[in-house]
Protein backbone atom coordinates (compact mmCIF):
# COMPACT_ATOMS: atom_id res chain seq x y z
CA MET A 1 0.04 -0.03 -0.04
CA ILE A 2 1.32 3.30 -0.95
CA ARG A 3 -0.18 6.63 0.40
CA MET A 4 0.47 10.08 -1.01
CA LYS A 5 -0.60 13.49 0.28
CA PHE A 6 -0.94 16.65 -1.75
CA ASN A 7 -1.47 20.01 -0.07
CA TYR A 8 -4.19 20.98 -2.54
CA ILE A 9 -7.11 19.54 -4.39
CA PRO A 10 -7.50 19.15 -8.18
CA PRO A 11 -9.43 21.74 -10.14
CA SER A 12 -12.86 20.51 -11.39
CA VAL A 13 -13.06 19.40 -15.05
CA ASN A 14 -14.94 22.65 -15.71
CA HIS A 15 -11.62 24.46 -14.95
CA ALA A 16 -9.15 21.91 -16.23
CA TYR A 17 -10.29 21.85 -19.81
CA VAL A 18 -11.52 24.64 -22.19
CA ASN A 19 -13.49 24.46 -25.45
CA LYS A 20 -11.60 25.13 -28.66
CA ARG A 21 -13.02 27.31 -31.37
CA GLY A 22 -14.45 24.97 -34.06
CA GLY A 23 -15.11 22.24 -31.49
CA GLY A 24 -13.09 20.03 -29.21
CA ARG A 25 -11.58 20.57 -25.75
CA ILE A 26 -8.02 21.17 -24.66
CA MET A 27 -6.32 21.30 -21.27
CA SER A 28 -6.45 24.79 -19.66
CA ARG A 29 -3.49 26.51 -18.15
CA GLU A 30 -4.98 25.52 -14.66
CA GLY A 31 -5.11 21.88 -15.69
CA LYS A 32 -1.51 21.90 -16.97
CA GLU A 33 -0.23 23.65 -13.82
CA PHE A 34 -1.97 21.09 -11.71
CA LYS A 35 -0.42 18.18 -13.53
CA ALA A 36 3.03 19.76 -13.34
CA ARG A 37 2.53 20.40 -9.56
CA VAL A 38 1.58 16.72 -9.04
CA ARG A 39 4.55 15.54 -10.97
CA ALA A 40 6.99 17.81 -9.04
CA ASP A 41 5.55 16.74 -5.71
CA ILE A 42 5.75 13.07 -6.47
CA LEU A 43 9.25 13.25 -7.87
CA SER A 44 10.53 15.24 -4.89
CA ASN A 45 8.55 13.44 -2.10
CA TYR A 46 7.88 9.88 -3.23
CA LYS A 47 11.07 8.73 -5.00
CA LYS A 48 11.28 5.46 -3.10
CA GLU A 49 7.55 4.66 -3.65
CA LEU A 50 7.84 5.35 -7.40
CA GLN A 51 10.17 2.39 -7.79
CA THR A 52 7.47 0.00 -6.43
CA PHE A 53 4.85 0.60 -9.08
CA LYS A 54 4.47 -2.07 -11.80
CA ALA A 55 2.93 -0.93 -15.08
CA GLU A 56 1.16 -4.16 -15.65
CA ASN A 57 -0.45 -4.51 -12.09
CA PRO A 58 -4.06 -3.50 -11.45
CA TYR A 59 -4.50 -0.97 -8.55
CA GLU A 60 -7.26 0.21 -6.33
CA LEU A 61 -7.27 3.91 -5.64
CA VAL A 62 -8.80 5.55 -2.49
CA ILE A 63 -9.00 9.25 -2.99
CA THR A 64 -9.97 11.53 -0.13
CA PHE A 65 -10.43 15.24 -0.61
CA TYR A 66 -10.17 17.10 2.74
CA LEU A 67 -12.02 20.37 2.48
CA LYS A 68 -11.79 23.32 4.86
CA ASP A 69 -15.14 24.81 3.82
CA MET A 70 -17.27 21.83 3.13
CA TYR A 71 -20.50 23.13 4.58
CA LEU A 72 -22.56 26.18 3.74
CA LYS A 73 -22.39 28.88 6.44
CA LYS A 74 -26.07 29.03 6.75
CA GLN A 75 -28.09 26.14 8.18
CA VAL A 76 -31.45 25.24 6.71
CA ASP A 77 -33.94 24.07 9.25
CA GLY A 78 -31.24 23.55 11.74
CA VAL A 79 -29.33 21.12 9.35
CA ARG A 80 -25.85 21.73 7.97
CA ARG A 81 -25.81 21.63 4.21
CA TYR A 82 -22.94 20.74 1.95
CA LYS A 83 -21.39 23.18 -0.42
CA LYS A 84 -21.75 22.30 -4.01
CA ILE A 85 -18.35 20.62 -4.42
CA ASP A 86 -18.54 17.62 -6.75
CA VAL A 87 -15.61 15.18 -6.06
CA THR A 88 -16.23 13.07 -9.02
CA ASN A 89 -15.66 16.17 -11.18
CA ARG A 90 -12.10 16.26 -9.83
CA ILE A 91 -10.96 12.55 -10.15
CA LYS A 92 -10.08 12.34 -13.89
CA LEU A 93 -7.47 15.02 -13.89
CA LEU A 94 -5.93 13.58 -10.72
CA GLU A 95 -5.98 10.04 -12.26
CA ASP A 96 -4.23 11.40 -15.47
CA ALA A 97 -1.63 13.26 -13.47
CA LEU A 98 -0.84 10.24 -11.25
CA SER A 99 -0.75 7.80 -14.24
CA GLU A 100 1.77 9.93 -16.12
CA VAL A 101 4.22 10.09 -13.18
CA ILE A 102 3.98 6.57 -11.80
CA GLY A 103 4.10 4.89 -15.16
CA VAL A 104 0.81 2.97 -14.70
CA ASP A 105 -1.96 3.52 -17.32
CA ASP A 106 -5.14 4.69 -15.60
CA LYS A 107 -6.98 1.68 -17.22
CA ASN A 108 -5.22 -0.29 -14.47
CA PHE A 109 -7.04 1.61 -11.78
CA ILE A 110 -9.55 -1.06 -11.40
CA ILE A 111 -11.41 0.23 -8.33
CA VAL A 112 -11.58 3.92 -7.61
CA VAL A 113 -13.20 5.13 -4.32
CA ALA A 114 -13.52 8.92 -3.77
CA ARG A 115 -14.85 10.76 -0.84
CA LYS A 116 -14.79 14.18 0.74
CA CYS A 117 -14.21 14.96 4.35
CA GLU A 118 -13.98 18.04 6.50
CA SER A 119 -10.31 19.11 6.94
CA SER A 120 -9.06 19.33 10.45
CA THR A 121 -6.55 21.94 9.24
CA LEU A 122 -7.19 25.33 7.74
CA SER A 123 -6.45 24.21 4.30
CA ASN A 124 -7.67 21.85 1.55
CA TYR A 125 -5.53 18.68 0.80
CA THR A 126 -5.82 15.36 -1.05
CA THR A 127 -4.66 11.99 -0.12
CA VAL A 128 -4.38 9.01 -2.46
CA THR A 129 -3.85 5.44 -1.37
CA PHE A 130 -2.76 2.88 -4.00
CA ILE A 131 -3.46 -0.82 -3.25
CA SER A 132 -1.84 -3.35 -5.60
CA SER A 133 -3.54 -6.60 -6.45
CA LYS A 134 -0.20 -8.22 -5.42
CA GLU A 135 -0.91 -6.97 -1.86
CA GLU A 136 -4.64 -7.71 -1.99
CA PRO A 137 -4.99 -10.85 -4.31
CA GLY A 138 -8.78 -10.77 -4.25
CA LEU A 139 -8.87 -7.25 -5.87
CA VAL A 140 -9.02 -8.59 -9.44
CA ASN A 141 -11.39 -11.45 -8.56
CA GLY A 142 -14.33 -9.24 -7.69
CA ALA A 143 -13.72 -8.95 -3.94
CA ARG A 144 -15.08 -5.80 -2.33
CA PRO A 145 -12.67 -2.88 -2.03
CA THR A 146 -10.21 -2.79 0.85
CA ILE A 147 -10.88 0.78 1.93
CA PRO A 148 -8.28 1.97 4.47
CA TRP A 149 -10.34 4.28 6.66
């Protein structure tokens, strides 16, 4: 199992890509900057872990987005309501950035679990846990995810 922490969260796909004139979409400057930041963080903080990834292995990813402002300030009928922060809208760019750096095609991310939690710090951050089928042999055989929380 490999766990990585990034002191930021990915931009949503709405900010990571822009429409081209005449059709099609391309990565925005914000998307490119995010991918470059992930690359730099992994190469400087996870050199040892990078050596353990195998391109042919399937992996389970557990992604947690820690958000400092997860709730609306105003309660409705005494109930805390969530801000409109769609975590599934942030997964693809993160998967692509991770895939490029670790050398594992994202088609090998067999199970992807994402969640959002309230941050206990005053900042947003992301954790990603990789679990290889070599560590969890049932992963490829339809076993339920081994979620480390």
